[in-house]
Amino acid sequence: MNEDIRARVLRTLSGILPELNPQDLKPALNLRDQFDLDSIDFLNFLLALQQEFAVDVPESDAGKLGSIDACVEYLAQALQQGAQA
């Protein structure tokens, strides 16, 4: 499941950063530090993730989605909680 989530997160990020080369991506590093991702781009990424995964990401949780690994972990947990509800 996590590999599917990772692929969807990368696809979503590619929509925000079309020049993204997945081989250059360091999954544990902060996205904003790795790429020239400004606040608006990061917000657009979070909104696109919410739409892609049909989950709500409260503004207070935005800092928890700073890296690809963090996004995968957060979304896996959110999807699991949604499935249990």
PDB file of N, CA and C in Angstrom:
ATOM      1  N   MET A   1       0.825  -1.201   0.000  1.00  0.00           N
ATOM      2  CA  MET A   1       0.000   0.000   0.000  1.00  0.00           C
ATOM      3  C   MET A   1       0.863   1.256   0.000  1.00  0.00           C
ATOM      4  N   ASN A   2       1.938   1.245   0.804  1.00  0.00           N
ATOM      5  CA  ASN A   2       2.776   2.438   0.881  1.00  0.00           C
ATOM      6  C   ASN A   2       3.449   2.767  -0.443  1.00  0.00           C
ATOM      7  N   GLU A   3       3.769   1.751  -1.252  1.00  0.00           N
ATOM      8  CA  GLU A   3       4.384   2.028  -2.551  1.00  0.00           C
ATOM      9  C   GLU A   3       3.381   2.702  -3.485  1.00  0.00           C
ATOM     10  N   ASP A   4       2.115   2.307  -3.391  1.00  0.00           N
ATOM     11  CA  ASP A   4       1.068   2.965  -4.171  1.00  0.00           C
ATOM     12  C   ASP A   4       0.922   4.418  -3.720  1.00  0.00           C
ATOM     13  N   ILE A   5       0.924   4.635  -2.419  1.00  0.00           N
ATOM     14  CA  ILE A   5       0.824   6.000  -1.889  1.00  0.00           C
ATOM     15  C   ILE A   5       2.015   6.816  -2.363  1.00  0.00           C
ATOM     16  N   ARG A   6       3.213   6.253  -2.269  1.00  0.00           N
ATOM     17  CA  ARG A   6       4.433   6.959  -2.700  1.00  0.00           C
ATOM     18  C   ARG A   6       4.329   7.353  -4.178  1.00  0.00           C
ATOM     19  N   ALA A   7       3.894   6.430  -5.021  1.00  0.00           N
ATOM     20  CA  ALA A   7       3.771   6.714  -6.455  1.00  0.00           C
ATOM     21  C   ALA A   7       2.774   7.841  -6.700  1.00  0.00           C
ATOM     22  N   ARG A   8       1.673   7.829  -5.974  1.00  0.00           N
ATOM     23  CA  ARG A   8       0.658   8.880  -6.141  1.00  0.00           C
ATOM     24  C   ARG A   8       1.157  10.220  -5.617  1.00  0.00           C
ATOM     25  N   VAL A   9       1.917  10.209  -4.522  1.00  0.00           N
ATOM     26  CA  VAL A   9       2.498  11.450  -3.989  1.00  0.00           C
ATOM     27  C   VAL A   9       3.480  12.026  -5.003  1.00  0.00           C
ATOM     28  N   LEU A  10       4.323  11.172  -5.576  1.00  0.00           N
ATOM     29  CA  LEU A  10       5.290  11.639  -6.578  1.00  0.00           C
ATOM     30  C   LEU A  10       4.596  12.178  -7.820  1.00  0.00           C
ATOM     31  N   ARG A  11       3.544  11.511  -8.238  1.00  0.00           N
ATOM     32  CA  ARG A  11       2.780  11.990  -9.394  1.00  0.00           C
ATOM     33  C   ARG A  11       2.153  13.355  -9.087  1.00  0.00           C
ATOM     34  N   THR A  12       1.643  13.506  -7.877  1.00  0.00           N
ATOM     35  CA  THR A  12       1.048  14.782  -7.465  1.00  0.00           C
ATOM     36  C   THR A  12       2.109  15.865  -7.420  1.00  0.00           C
ATOM     37  N   LEU A  13       3.264  15.560  -6.868  1.00  0.00           N
ATOM     38  CA  LEU A  13       4.347  16.538  -6.800  1.00  0.00           C
ATOM     39  C   LEU A  13       4.826  16.919  -8.195  1.00  0.00           C
ATOM     40  N   SER A  14       4.844  15.963  -9.107  1.00  0.00           N
ATOM     41  CA  SER A  14       5.242  16.243 -10.491  1.00  0.00           C
ATOM     42  C   SER A  14       4.287  17.219 -11.160  1.00  0.00           C
ATOM     43  N   GLY A  15       3.042  17.210 -10.731  1.00  0.00           N
ATOM     44  CA  GLY A  15       2.082  18.173 -11.262  1.00  0.00           C
ATOM     45  C   GLY A  15       2.384  19.594 -10.814  1.00  0.00           C
ATOM     46  N   ILE A  16       3.006  19.724  -9.646  1.00  0.00           N
ATOM     47  CA  ILE A  16       3.377  21.036  -9.116  1.00  0.00           C
ATOM     48  C   ILE A  16       4.756  21.439  -9.633  1.00  0.00           C
ATOM     49  N   LEU A  17       5.648  20.470  -9.732  1.00  0.00           N
ATOM     50  CA  LEU A  17       7.025  20.691 -10.200  1.00  0.00           C
ATOM     51  C   LEU A  17       7.275  19.828 -11.435  1.00  0.00           C
ATOM     52  N   PRO A  18       6.846  20.281 -12.615  1.00  0.00           N
ATOM     53  CA  PRO A  18       6.987  19.450 -13.813  1.00  0.00           C
ATOM     54  C   PRO A  18       8.441  19.087 -14.130  1.00  0.00           C
ATOM     55  N   GLU A  19       9.383  19.889 -13.663  1.00  0.00           N
ATOM     56  CA  GLU A  19      10.793  19.621 -13.942  1.00  0.00           C
ATOM     57  C   GLU A  19      11.394  18.597 -12.972  1.00  0.00           C
ATOM     58  N   LEU A  20      10.585  18.079 -12.067  1.00  0.00           N
ATOM     59  CA  LEU A  20      11.044  17.125 -11.064  1.00  0.00           C
ATOM     60  C   LEU A  20      11.581  15.853 -11.710  1.00  0.00           C
ATOM     61  N   ASN A  21      12.772  15.475 -11.313  1.00  0.00           N
ATOM     62  CA  ASN A  21      13.359  14.205 -11.723  1.00  0.00           C
ATOM     63  C   ASN A  21      13.331  13.303 -10.498  1.00  0.00           C
ATOM     64  N   PRO A  22      12.508  12.263 -10.494  1.00  0.00           N
ATOM     65  CA  PRO A  22      12.386  11.411  -9.300  1.00  0.00           C
ATOM     66  C   PRO A  22      13.716  10.836  -8.815  1.00  0.00           C
ATOM     67  N   GLN A  23      14.690  10.653  -9.729  1.00  0.00           N
ATOM     68  CA  GLN A  23      15.988  10.134  -9.313  1.00  0.00           C
ATOM     69  C   GLN A  23      16.749  11.135  -8.446  1.00  0.00           C
ATOM     70  N   ASP A  24      16.445  12.416  -8.577  1.00  0.00           N
ATOM     71  CA  ASP A  24      17.111  13.447  -7.778  1.00  0.00           C
ATOM     72  C   ASP A  24      16.485  13.607  -6.398  1.00  0.00           C
ATOM     73  N   LEU A  25      15.344  13.004  -6.207  1.00  0.00           N
ATOM     74  CA  LEU A  25      14.579  13.174  -4.976  1.00  0.00           C
ATOM     75  C   LEU A  25      15.173  12.373  -3.833  1.00  0.00           C
ATOM     76  N   LYS A  26      15.329  13.028  -2.714  1.00  0.00           N
ATOM     77  CA  LYS A  26      15.769  12.363  -1.484  1.00  0.00           C
ATOM     78  C   LYS A  26      14.546  12.295  -0.570  1.00  0.00           C
ATOM     79  N   PRO A  27      13.914  11.113  -0.457  1.00  0.00           N
ATOM     80  CA  PRO A  27      12.620  10.980   0.196  1.00  0.00           C
ATOM     81  C   PRO A  27      12.550  11.460   1.640  1.00  0.00           C
ATOM     82  N   ALA A  28      13.667  11.444   2.350  1.00  0.00           N
ATOM     83  CA  ALA A  28      13.636  11.837   3.759  1.00  0.00           C
ATOM     84  C   ALA A  28      13.903  13.332   3.960  1.00  0.00           C
ATOM     85  N   LEU A  29      14.377  14.012   2.928  1.00  0.00           N
ATOM     86  CA  LEU A  29      14.693  15.435   3.066  1.00  0.00           C
ATOM     87  C   LEU A  29      13.478  16.308   2.800  1.00  0.00           C
ATOM     88  N   ASN A  30      13.478  17.457   3.431  1.00  0.00           N
ATOM     89  CA  ASN A  30      12.397  18.419   3.281  1.00  0.00           C
ATOM     90  C   ASN A  30      12.272  18.863   1.824  1.00  0.00           C
ATOM     91  N   LEU A  31      11.058  18.806   1.311  1.00  0.00           N
ATOM     92  CA  LEU A  31      10.812  19.171  -0.086  1.00  0.00           C
ATOM     93  C   LEU A  31      11.149  20.621  -0.377  1.00  0.00           C
ATOM     94  N   ARG A  32      10.815  21.491   0.552  1.00  0.00           N
ATOM     95  CA  ARG A  32      11.059  22.913   0.326  1.00  0.00           C
ATOM     96  C   ARG A  32      12.545  23.214   0.307  1.00  0.00           C
ATOM     97  N   ASP A  33      13.342  22.399   1.010  1.00  0.00           N
ATOM     98  CA  ASP A  33      14.790  22.573   0.995  1.00  0.00           C
ATOM     99  C   ASP A  33      15.419  21.967  -0.258  1.00  0.00           C
ATOM    100  N   GLN A  34      14.837  20.887  -0.756  1.00  0.00           N
ATOM    101  CA  GLN A  34      15.383  20.210  -1.931  1.00  0.00           C
ATOM    102  C   GLN A  34      15.096  20.944  -3.230  1.00  0.00           C
ATOM    103  N   PHE A  35      13.940  21.540  -3.304  1.00  0.00           N
ATOM    104  CA  PHE A  35      13.483  22.166  -4.541  1.00  0.00           C
ATOM    105  C   PHE A  35      13.106  23.606  -4.264  1.00  0.00           C
ATOM    106  N   ASP A  36      12.987  24.357  -5.287  1.00  0.00           N
ATOM    107  CA  ASP A  36      12.596  25.758  -5.152  1.00  0.00           C
ATOM    108  C   ASP A  36      11.082  25.821  -4.987  1.00  0.00           C
ATOM    109  N   LEU A  37      10.615  25.294  -3.867  1.00  0.00           N
ATOM    110  CA  LEU A  37       9.187  25.186  -3.591  1.00  0.00           C
ATOM    111  C   LEU A  37       8.800  26.310  -2.631  1.00  0.00           C
ATOM    112  N   ASP A  38       8.104  27.312  -3.156  1.00  0.00           N
ATOM    113  CA  ASP A  38       7.702  28.411  -2.284  1.00  0.00           C
ATOM    114  C   ASP A  38       6.414  28.053  -1.545  1.00  0.00           C
ATOM    115  N   SER A  39       5.950  28.950  -0.718  1.00  0.00           N
ATOM    116  CA  SER A  39       4.767  28.690   0.105  1.00  0.00           C
ATOM    117  C   SER A  39       3.540  28.366  -0.725  1.00  0.00           C
ATOM    118  N   ILE A  40       3.365  29.079  -1.816  1.00  0.00           N
ATOM    119  CA  ILE A  40       2.195  28.847  -2.678  1.00  0.00           C
ATOM    120  C   ILE A  40       2.284  27.471  -3.339  1.00  0.00           C
ATOM    121  N   ASP A  41       3.469  27.124  -3.832  1.00  0.00           N
ATOM    122  CA  ASP A  41       3.639  25.799  -4.439  1.00  0.00           C
ATOM    123  C   ASP A  41       3.386  24.698  -3.413  1.00  0.00           C
ATOM    124  N   PHE A  42       3.886  24.881  -2.190  1.00  0.00           N
ATOM    125  CA  PHE A  42       3.685  23.869  -1.158  1.00  0.00           C
ATOM    126  C   PHE A  42       2.203  23.755  -0.809  1.00  0.00           C
ATOM    127  N   LEU A  43       1.515  24.883  -0.709  1.00  0.00           N
ATOM    128  CA  LEU A  43       0.076  24.860  -0.443  1.00  0.00           C
ATOM    129  C   LEU A  43      -0.666  24.156  -1.577  1.00  0.00           C
ATOM    130  N   ASN A  44      -0.292  24.438  -2.816  1.00  0.00           N
ATOM    131  CA  ASN A  44      -0.913  23.772  -3.960  1.00  0.00           C
ATOM    132  C   ASN A  44      -0.660  22.261  -3.919  1.00  0.00           C
ATOM    133  N   PHE A  45       0.532  21.870  -3.492  1.00  0.00           N
ATOM    134  CA  PHE A  45       0.856  20.456  -3.340  1.00  0.00           C
ATOM    135  C   PHE A  45      -0.043  19.812  -2.288  1.00  0.00           C
ATOM    136  N   LEU A  46      -0.204  20.478  -1.150  1.00  0.00           N
ATOM    137  CA  LEU A  46      -1.069  19.934  -0.092  1.00  0.00           C
ATOM    138  C   LEU A  46      -2.518  19.823  -0.555  1.00  0.00           C
ATOM    139  N   LEU A  47      -2.996  20.827  -1.254  1.00  0.00           N
ATOM    140  CA  LEU A  47      -4.370  20.789  -1.771  1.00  0.00           C
ATOM    141  C   LEU A  47      -4.532  19.660  -2.791  1.00  0.00           C
ATOM    142  N   ALA A  48      -3.524  19.476  -3.626  1.00  0.00           N
ATOM    143  CA  ALA A  48      -3.583  18.401  -4.616  1.00  0.00           C
ATOM    144  C   ALA A  48      -3.552  17.030  -3.931  1.00  0.00           C
ATOM    145  N   LEU A  49      -2.770  16.906  -2.858  1.00  0.00           N
ATOM    146  CA  LEU A  49      -2.763  15.650  -2.102  1.00  0.00           C
ATOM    147  C   LEU A  49      -4.133  15.371  -1.497  1.00  0.00           C
ATOM    148  N   GLN A  50      -4.763  16.404  -0.950  1.00  0.00           N
ATOM    149  CA  GLN A  50      -6.098  16.234  -0.371  1.00  0.00           C
ATOM    150  C   GLN A  50      -7.081  15.736  -1.422  1.00  0.00           C
ATOM    151  N   GLN A  51      -6.976  16.301  -2.607  1.00  0.00           N
ATOM    152  CA  GLN A  51      -7.881  15.895  -3.686  1.00  0.00           C
ATOM    153  C   GLN A  51      -7.549  14.478  -4.167  1.00  0.00           C
ATOM    154  N   GLU A  52      -6.276  14.185  -4.359  1.00  0.00           N
ATOM    155  CA  GLU A  52      -5.848  12.871  -4.850  1.00  0.00           C
ATOM    156  C   GLU A  52      -6.257  11.744  -3.903  1.00  0.00           C
ATOM    157  N   PHE A  53      -6.115  11.993  -2.594  1.00  0.00           N
ATOM    158  CA  PHE A  53      -6.360  10.942  -1.611  1.00  0.00           C
ATOM    159  C   PHE A  53      -7.706  11.067  -0.898  1.00  0.00           C
ATOM    160  N   ALA A  54      -8.450  12.110  -1.204  1.00  0.00           N
ATOM    161  CA  ALA A  54      -9.751  12.356  -0.558  1.00  0.00           C
ATOM    162  C   ALA A  54      -9.623  12.333   0.968  1.00  0.00           C
ATOM    163  N   VAL A  55      -8.607  13.039   1.448  1.00  0.00           N
ATOM    164  CA  VAL A  55      -8.408  13.191   2.884  1.00  0.00           C
ATOM    165  C   VAL A  55      -8.325  14.679   3.204  1.00  0.00           C
ATOM    166  N   ASP A  56      -8.646  14.994   4.437  1.00  0.00           N
ATOM    167  CA  ASP A  56      -8.540  16.368   4.892  1.00  0.00           C
ATOM    168  C   ASP A  56      -7.211  16.512   5.630  1.00  0.00           C
ATOM    169  N   VAL A  57      -6.417  17.491   5.214  1.00  0.00           N
ATOM    170  CA  VAL A  57      -5.164  17.789   5.897  1.00  0.00           C
ATOM    171  C   VAL A  57      -5.342  19.147   6.561  1.00  0.00           C
ATOM    172  N   PRO A  58      -5.577  19.155   7.873  1.00  0.00           N
ATOM    173  CA  PRO A  58      -5.740  20.425   8.565  1.00  0.00           C
ATOM    174  C   PRO A  58      -4.488  21.283   8.426  1.00  0.00           C
ATOM    175  N   GLU A  59      -4.677  22.580   8.416  1.00  0.00           N
ATOM    176  CA  GLU A  59      -3.549  23.502   8.299  1.00  0.00           C
ATOM    177  C   GLU A  59      -2.504  23.235   9.378  1.00  0.00           C
ATOM    178  N   SER A  60      -2.955  22.836  10.550  1.00  0.00           N
ATOM    179  CA  SER A  60      -2.035  22.564  11.653  1.00  0.00           C
ATOM    180  C   SER A  60      -1.144  21.344  11.378  1.00  0.00           C
ATOM    181  N   ASP A  61      -1.527  20.502  10.420  1.00  0.00           N
ATOM    182  CA  ASP A  61      -0.738  19.311  10.082  1.00  0.00           C
ATOM    183  C   ASP A  61       0.186  19.534   8.890  1.00  0.00           C
ATOM    184  N   ALA A  62       0.134  20.695   8.273  1.00  0.00           N
ATOM    185  CA  ALA A  62       0.923  20.938   7.061  1.00  0.00           C
ATOM    186  C   ALA A  62       2.411  20.666   7.286  1.00  0.00           C
ATOM    187  N   GLY A  63       2.927  21.009   8.439  1.00  0.00           N
ATOM    188  CA  GLY A  63       4.334  20.782   8.732  1.00  0.00           C
ATOM    189  C   GLY A  63       4.710  19.320   8.830  1.00  0.00           C
ATOM    190  N   LYS A  64       3.724  18.469   8.974  1.00  0.00           N
ATOM    191  CA  LYS A  64       3.983  17.028   9.074  1.00  0.00           C
ATOM    192  C   LYS A  64       4.193  16.384   7.702  1.00  0.00           C
ATOM    193  N   LEU A  65       4.002  17.150   6.638  1.00  0.00           N
ATOM    194  CA  LEU A  65       4.105  16.610   5.286  1.00  0.00           C
ATOM    195  C   LEU A  65       5.272  17.238   4.522  1.00  0.00           C
ATOM    196  N   GLY A  66       6.372  17.459   5.210  1.00  0.00           N
ATOM    197  CA  GLY A  66       7.501  18.166   4.617  1.00  0.00           C
ATOM    198  C   GLY A  66       8.344  17.354   3.657  1.00  0.00           C
ATOM    199  N   SER A  67       8.343  16.048   3.794  1.00  0.00           N
ATOM    200  CA  SER A  67       9.145  15.197   2.910  1.00  0.00           C
ATOM    201  C   SER A  67       8.249  14.131   2.278  1.00  0.00           C
ATOM    202  N   ILE A  68       8.780  13.464   1.279  1.00  0.00           N
ATOM    203  CA  ILE A  68       8.018  12.380   0.655  1.00  0.00           C
ATOM    204  C   ILE A  68       7.730  11.290   1.678  1.00  0.00           C
ATOM    205  N   ASP A  69       8.743  10.900   2.448  1.00  0.00           N
ATOM    206  CA  ASP A  69       8.534   9.867   3.466  1.00  0.00           C
ATOM    207  C   ASP A  69       7.462  10.286   4.465  1.00  0.00           C
ATOM    208  N   ALA A  70       7.495  11.543   4.874  1.00  0.00           N
ATOM    209  CA  ALA A  70       6.505  12.043   5.834  1.00  0.00           C
ATOM    210  C   ALA A  70       5.109  12.052   5.217  1.00  0.00           C
ATOM    211  N   CYS A  71       5.007  12.418   3.950  1.00  0.00           N
ATOM    212  CA  CYS A  71       3.711  12.406   3.264  1.00  0.00           C
ATOM    213  C   CYS A  71       3.140  10.998   3.215  1.00  0.00           C
ATOM    214  N   VAL A  72       3.980  10.035   2.857  1.00  0.00           N
ATOM    215  CA  VAL A  72       3.529   8.643   2.756  1.00  0.00           C
ATOM    216  C   VAL A  72       3.039   8.157   4.116  1.00  0.00           C
ATOM    217  N   GLU A  73       3.806   8.431   5.156  1.00  0.00           N
ATOM    218  CA  GLU A  73       3.427   7.998   6.506  1.00  0.00           C
ATOM    219  C   GLU A  73       2.116   8.656   6.946  1.00  0.00           C
ATOM    220  N   TYR A  74       2.008   9.961   6.740  1.00  0.00           N
ATOM    221  CA  TYR A  74       0.806  10.701   7.149  1.00  0.00           C
ATOM    222  C   TYR A  74      -0.416  10.190   6.393  1.00  0.00           C
ATOM    223  N   LEU A  75      -0.271  10.052   5.080  1.00  0.00           N
ATOM    224  CA  LEU A  75      -1.411   9.644   4.260  1.00  0.00           C
ATOM    225  C   LEU A  75      -1.817   8.198   4.531  1.00  0.00           C
ATOM    226  N   ALA A  76      -0.852   7.322   4.758  1.00  0.00           N
ATOM    227  CA  ALA A  76      -1.182   5.931   5.089  1.00  0.00           C
ATOM    228  C   ALA A  76      -2.001   5.883   6.372  1.00  0.00           C
ATOM    229  N   GLN A  77      -1.600   6.666   7.345  1.00  0.00           N
ATOM    230  CA  GLN A  77      -2.339   6.707   8.613  1.00  0.00           C
ATOM    231  C   GLN A  77      -3.728   7.310   8.412  1.00  0.00           C
ATOM    232  N   ALA A  78      -3.816   8.393   7.639  1.00  0.00           N
ATOM    233  CA  ALA A  78      -5.111   9.043   7.399  1.00  0.00           C
ATOM    234  C   ALA A  78      -6.057   8.105   6.645  1.00  0.00           C
ATOM    235  N   LEU A  79      -5.523   7.373   5.671  1.00  0.00           N
ATOM    236  CA  LEU A  79      -6.364   6.455   4.909  1.00  0.00           C
ATOM    237  C   LEU A  79      -6.811   5.290   5.769  1.00  0.00           C
ATOM    238  N   GLN A  80      -5.949   4.817   6.635  1.00  0.00           N
ATOM    239  CA  GLN A  80      -6.310   3.726   7.545  1.00  0.00           C
ATOM    240  C   GLN A  80      -7.398   4.187   8.509  1.00  0.00           C
ATOM    241  N   GLN A  81      -7.255   5.378   9.048  1.00  0.00           N
ATOM    242  CA  GLN A  81      -8.272   5.902   9.973  1.00  0.00           C
ATOM    243  C   GLN A  81      -9.595   6.108   9.244  1.00  0.00           C
ATOM    244  N   GLY A  82      -9.527   6.570   7.998  1.00  0.00           N
ATOM    245  CA  GLY A  82     -10.742   6.757   7.216  1.00  0.00           C
ATOM    246  C   GLY A  82     -11.450   5.445   6.923  1.00  0.00           C
ATOM    247  N   ALA A  83     -10.658   4.400   6.710  1.00  0.00           N
ATOM    248  CA  ALA A  83     -11.239   3.082   6.435  1.00  0.00           C
ATOM    249  C   ALA A  83     -11.902   2.495   7.679  1.00  0.00           C
ATOM    250  N   GLN A  84     -11.412   2.870   8.840  1.00  0.00           N
ATOM    251  CA  GLN A  84     -11.962   2.362  10.093  1.00  0.00           C
ATOM    252  C   GLN A  84     -13.208   3.126  10.508  1.00  0.00           C
ATOM    253  N   ALA A  85     -13.375   4.314   9.968  1.00  0.00           N
ATOM    254  CA  ALA A  85     -14.531   5.150  10.383  1.00  0.00           C
ATOM    255  C   ALA A  85     -15.813   4.668   9.763  1.00  0.00           C
TER     256      ALA A  85
END
